[in-house]
Amino acid sequence: MTIFRYIIYQLTAALVTAGAILTCLFLAHRLFDVADVMLGFGVGIGDAAMLISGLAAKLFQLTAPIATLLACVVVFGRMAHEGEI
């Protein structure tokens, strides 16, 4: 495996992991604010699912750059620590 494939593989794994964790954390934080309003108006399960999916898509716009930066720092930091680059 060439070094470029190795770096892309490592970056992809770290990016997916960081993106999922950050999106879940931000979504959980935001849901605490929205849950009071949803329970107050008696929102159904289908409407709540649509709200959560829309909110997750909007939060992904925020978490994607953060996850990319975090993945790059983690992967290149680990590679530099192990003397691979």
N, C-alpha and C. Protein backbone atom coordinates (compact mmCIF):
# COMPACT_ATOMS: atom_id res chain seq x y z
N MET A 1 0.85 -1.17 0.00
CA MET A 1 0.00 0.00 0.00
C MET A 1 0.90 1.24 0.00
N THR A 2 0.59 2.16 -0.87
CA THR A 2 1.40 3.37 -0.92
C THR A 2 1.06 4.26 0.26
N ILE A 3 1.91 5.21 0.50
CA ILE A 3 1.72 6.12 1.64
C ILE A 3 0.46 6.97 1.46
N PHE A 4 0.12 7.31 0.21
CA PHE A 4 -1.06 8.13 -0.02
C PHE A 4 -2.34 7.37 0.32
N ARG A 5 -2.39 6.11 -0.08
CA ARG A 5 -3.56 5.29 0.27
C ARG A 5 -3.66 5.09 1.77
N TYR A 6 -2.55 4.90 2.40
CA TYR A 6 -2.53 4.72 3.84
C TYR A 6 -3.04 5.97 4.56
N ILE A 7 -2.58 7.13 4.11
CA ILE A 7 -3.02 8.38 4.73
C ILE A 7 -4.51 8.60 4.49
N ILE A 8 -4.98 8.36 3.27
CA ILE A 8 -6.40 8.53 2.97
C ILE A 8 -7.23 7.57 3.80
N TYR A 9 -6.79 6.33 3.94
CA TYR A 9 -7.52 5.35 4.74
C TYR A 9 -7.60 5.80 6.21
N GLN A 10 -6.49 6.24 6.75
CA GLN A 10 -6.47 6.69 8.14
C GLN A 10 -7.31 7.95 8.34
N LEU A 11 -7.22 8.88 7.40
CA LEU A 11 -8.01 10.10 7.49
C LEU A 11 -9.51 9.82 7.39
N THR A 12 -9.89 8.91 6.51
CA THR A 12 -11.31 8.58 6.35
C THR A 12 -11.87 7.96 7.61
N ALA A 13 -11.13 7.04 8.20
CA ALA A 13 -11.61 6.40 9.43
C ALA A 13 -11.74 7.41 10.56
N ALA A 14 -10.75 8.27 10.70
CA ALA A 14 -10.80 9.28 11.76
C ALA A 14 -11.89 10.32 11.49
N LEU A 15 -12.09 10.67 10.23
CA LEU A 15 -13.11 11.66 9.87
C LEU A 15 -14.52 11.13 10.15
N VAL A 16 -14.77 9.91 9.78
CA VAL A 16 -16.10 9.33 10.02
C VAL A 16 -16.36 9.22 11.52
N THR A 17 -15.37 8.77 12.26
CA THR A 17 -15.54 8.63 13.70
C THR A 17 -15.75 9.99 14.37
N ALA A 18 -14.90 10.95 14.05
CA ALA A 18 -15.03 12.28 14.65
C ALA A 18 -16.33 12.95 14.23
N GLY A 19 -16.71 12.79 12.98
CA GLY A 19 -17.96 13.39 12.50
C GLY A 19 -19.17 12.82 13.19
N ALA A 20 -19.19 11.50 13.38
CA ALA A 20 -20.33 10.87 14.05
C ALA A 20 -20.41 11.29 15.52
N ILE A 21 -19.28 11.30 16.18
CA ILE A 21 -19.28 11.66 17.61
C ILE A 21 -19.66 13.12 17.80
N LEU A 22 -19.09 14.02 17.01
CA LEU A 22 -19.40 15.44 17.16
C LEU A 22 -20.85 15.74 16.80
N THR A 23 -21.36 15.11 15.74
CA THR A 23 -22.75 15.33 15.37
C THR A 23 -23.69 14.84 16.45
N CYS A 24 -23.40 13.68 17.02
CA CYS A 24 -24.23 13.17 18.12
C CYS A 24 -24.18 14.07 19.34
N LEU A 25 -23.00 14.55 19.68
CA LEU A 25 -22.89 15.45 20.83
C LEU A 25 -23.63 16.76 20.63
N PHE A 26 -23.44 17.37 19.47
CA PHE A 26 -24.13 18.63 19.19
C PHE A 26 -25.63 18.42 19.08
N LEU A 27 -26.04 17.29 18.51
CA LEU A 27 -27.47 16.99 18.38
C LEU A 27 -28.10 16.77 19.75
N ALA A 28 -27.41 16.06 20.62
CA ALA A 28 -27.94 15.83 21.97
C ALA A 28 -28.07 17.15 22.72
N HIS A 29 -27.08 18.01 22.58
CA HIS A 29 -27.15 19.31 23.24
C HIS A 29 -28.33 20.12 22.71
N ARG A 30 -28.53 20.10 21.42
CA ARG A 30 -29.60 20.88 20.80
C ARG A 30 -30.98 20.28 21.11
N LEU A 31 -31.05 18.96 21.24
CA LEU A 31 -32.33 18.31 21.51
C LEU A 31 -32.87 18.66 22.89
N PHE A 32 -32.00 18.92 23.83
CA PHE A 32 -32.48 19.32 25.15
C PHE A 32 -33.24 20.65 25.07
N ASP A 33 -32.79 21.53 24.19
CA ASP A 33 -33.49 22.81 24.01
C ASP A 33 -34.82 22.62 23.27
N VAL A 34 -34.83 21.73 22.29
CA VAL A 34 -36.01 21.55 21.45
C VAL A 34 -37.04 20.63 22.10
N ALA A 35 -36.61 19.75 22.99
CA ALA A 35 -37.51 18.77 23.58
C ALA A 35 -38.63 19.43 24.37
N ASP A 36 -38.34 20.50 25.06
CA ASP A 36 -39.36 21.19 25.84
C ASP A 36 -40.45 21.74 24.94
N VAL A 37 -40.04 22.31 23.82
CA VAL A 37 -41.02 22.85 22.87
C VAL A 37 -41.84 21.73 22.24
N MET A 38 -41.17 20.62 21.86
CA MET A 38 -41.88 19.50 21.24
C MET A 38 -42.89 18.89 22.19
N LEU A 39 -42.51 18.72 23.45
CA LEU A 39 -43.44 18.14 24.42
C LEU A 39 -44.58 19.10 24.74
N GLY A 40 -44.30 20.40 24.72
CA GLY A 40 -45.33 21.40 25.01
C GLY A 40 -46.42 21.45 23.95
N PHE A 41 -46.04 21.23 22.69
CA PHE A 41 -47.01 21.29 21.60
C PHE A 41 -47.58 19.93 21.25
N GLY A 42 -47.11 18.86 21.86
CA GLY A 42 -47.62 17.52 21.57
C GLY A 42 -47.26 17.04 20.17
N VAL A 43 -46.04 17.20 19.79
CA VAL A 43 -45.57 16.81 18.46
C VAL A 43 -45.53 15.28 18.37
N GLY A 44 -45.97 14.74 17.24
CA GLY A 44 -45.98 13.29 17.03
C GLY A 44 -44.59 12.74 16.72
N ILE A 45 -44.53 11.42 16.69
CA ILE A 45 -43.24 10.73 16.45
C ILE A 45 -42.71 11.05 15.04
N GLY A 46 -43.58 11.04 14.05
CA GLY A 46 -43.14 11.31 12.68
C GLY A 46 -42.59 12.72 12.53
N ASP A 47 -43.29 13.68 13.12
CA ASP A 47 -42.82 15.07 13.05
C ASP A 47 -41.52 15.25 13.82
N ALA A 48 -41.40 14.57 14.95
CA ALA A 48 -40.16 14.66 15.73
C ALA A 48 -38.98 14.05 14.95
N ALA A 49 -39.22 12.95 14.25
CA ALA A 49 -38.17 12.32 13.45
C ALA A 49 -37.74 13.24 12.31
N MET A 50 -38.70 13.91 11.69
CA MET A 50 -38.35 14.85 10.62
C MET A 50 -37.56 16.03 11.17
N LEU A 51 -37.95 16.50 12.34
CA LEU A 51 -37.24 17.61 12.97
C LEU A 51 -35.81 17.22 13.33
N ILE A 52 -35.65 16.02 13.87
CA ILE A 52 -34.32 15.56 14.26
C ILE A 52 -33.43 15.34 13.04
N SER A 53 -33.98 14.76 11.96
CA SER A 53 -33.16 14.55 10.76
C SER A 53 -32.77 15.88 10.12
N GLY A 54 -33.68 16.84 10.10
CA GLY A 54 -33.33 18.16 9.58
C GLY A 54 -32.31 18.88 10.44
N LEU A 55 -32.46 18.71 11.74
CA LEU A 55 -31.51 19.33 12.67
C LEU A 55 -30.13 18.69 12.54
N ALA A 56 -30.09 17.37 12.35
CA ALA A 56 -28.80 16.67 12.18
C ALA A 56 -28.11 17.12 10.90
N ALA A 57 -28.87 17.31 9.83
CA ALA A 57 -28.27 17.77 8.57
C ALA A 57 -27.70 19.18 8.73
N LYS A 58 -28.42 20.03 9.44
CA LYS A 58 -27.93 21.39 9.66
C LYS A 58 -26.70 21.39 10.56
N LEU A 59 -26.69 20.55 11.59
CA LEU A 59 -25.54 20.48 12.48
C LEU A 59 -24.33 19.86 11.79
N PHE A 60 -24.56 19.00 10.79
CA PHE A 60 -23.44 18.40 10.08
C PHE A 60 -22.64 19.46 9.33
N GLN A 61 -23.30 20.53 8.90
CA GLN A 61 -22.58 21.63 8.26
C GLN A 61 -21.60 22.29 9.23
N LEU A 62 -21.94 22.26 10.49
CA LEU A 62 -21.05 22.83 11.50
C LEU A 62 -19.96 21.84 11.91
N THR A 63 -20.33 20.58 12.04
CA THR A 63 -19.38 19.59 12.55
C THR A 63 -18.41 19.06 11.49
N ALA A 64 -18.74 19.17 10.21
CA ALA A 64 -17.86 18.64 9.17
C ALA A 64 -16.48 19.31 9.17
N PRO A 65 -16.39 20.64 9.20
CA PRO A 65 -15.05 21.25 9.25
C PRO A 65 -14.30 20.94 10.54
N ILE A 66 -15.02 20.89 11.66
CA ILE A 66 -14.37 20.58 12.93
C ILE A 66 -13.83 19.15 12.90
N ALA A 67 -14.64 18.22 12.39
CA ALA A 67 -14.22 16.82 12.31
C ALA A 67 -13.04 16.65 11.36
N THR A 68 -13.03 17.40 10.26
CA THR A 68 -11.92 17.31 9.31
C THR A 68 -10.61 17.78 9.95
N LEU A 69 -10.67 18.90 10.63
CA LEU A 69 -9.48 19.42 11.30
C LEU A 69 -9.01 18.46 12.39
N LEU A 70 -9.94 17.95 13.17
CA LEU A 70 -9.59 17.01 14.23
C LEU A 70 -8.97 15.74 13.67
N ALA A 71 -9.55 15.22 12.58
CA ALA A 71 -9.01 14.01 11.96
C ALA A 71 -7.60 14.23 11.44
N CYS A 72 -7.36 15.36 10.80
CA CYS A 72 -6.01 15.66 10.28
C CYS A 72 -5.00 15.77 11.40
N VAL A 73 -5.37 16.45 12.47
CA VAL A 73 -4.44 16.61 13.59
C VAL A 73 -4.14 15.27 14.24
N VAL A 74 -5.16 14.46 14.43
CA VAL A 74 -4.97 13.16 15.08
C VAL A 74 -4.13 12.23 14.21
N VAL A 75 -4.46 12.13 12.93
CA VAL A 75 -3.75 11.18 12.05
C VAL A 75 -2.30 11.61 11.85
N PHE A 76 -2.06 12.86 11.51
CA PHE A 76 -0.69 13.30 11.28
C PHE A 76 0.11 13.38 12.57
N GLY A 77 -0.54 13.67 13.68
CA GLY A 77 0.14 13.63 14.97
C GLY A 77 0.57 12.22 15.34
N ARG A 78 -0.33 11.26 15.11
CA ARG A 78 0.01 9.87 15.39
C ARG A 78 1.12 9.38 14.48
N MET A 79 1.04 9.74 13.19
CA MET A 79 2.07 9.31 12.26
C MET A 79 3.43 9.94 12.59
N ALA A 80 3.42 11.19 13.02
CA ALA A 80 4.68 11.84 13.37
C ALA A 80 5.25 11.24 14.65
N HIS A 81 4.39 10.88 15.58
CA HIS A 81 4.85 10.29 16.83
C HIS A 81 5.47 8.91 16.61
N GLU A 82 4.91 8.17 15.66
CA GLU A 82 5.44 6.84 15.37
C GLU A 82 6.55 6.85 14.34
N GLY A 83 6.91 8.03 13.84
CA GLY A 83 8.03 8.15 12.89
C GLY A 83 7.69 7.68 11.50
N GLU A 84 6.41 7.70 11.13
CA GLU A 84 6.02 7.24 9.79
C GLU A 84 6.17 8.33 8.74
N ILE A 85 6.18 9.59 9.18
CA ILE A 85 6.39 10.67 8.21
C ILE A 85 7.56 11.51 8.64
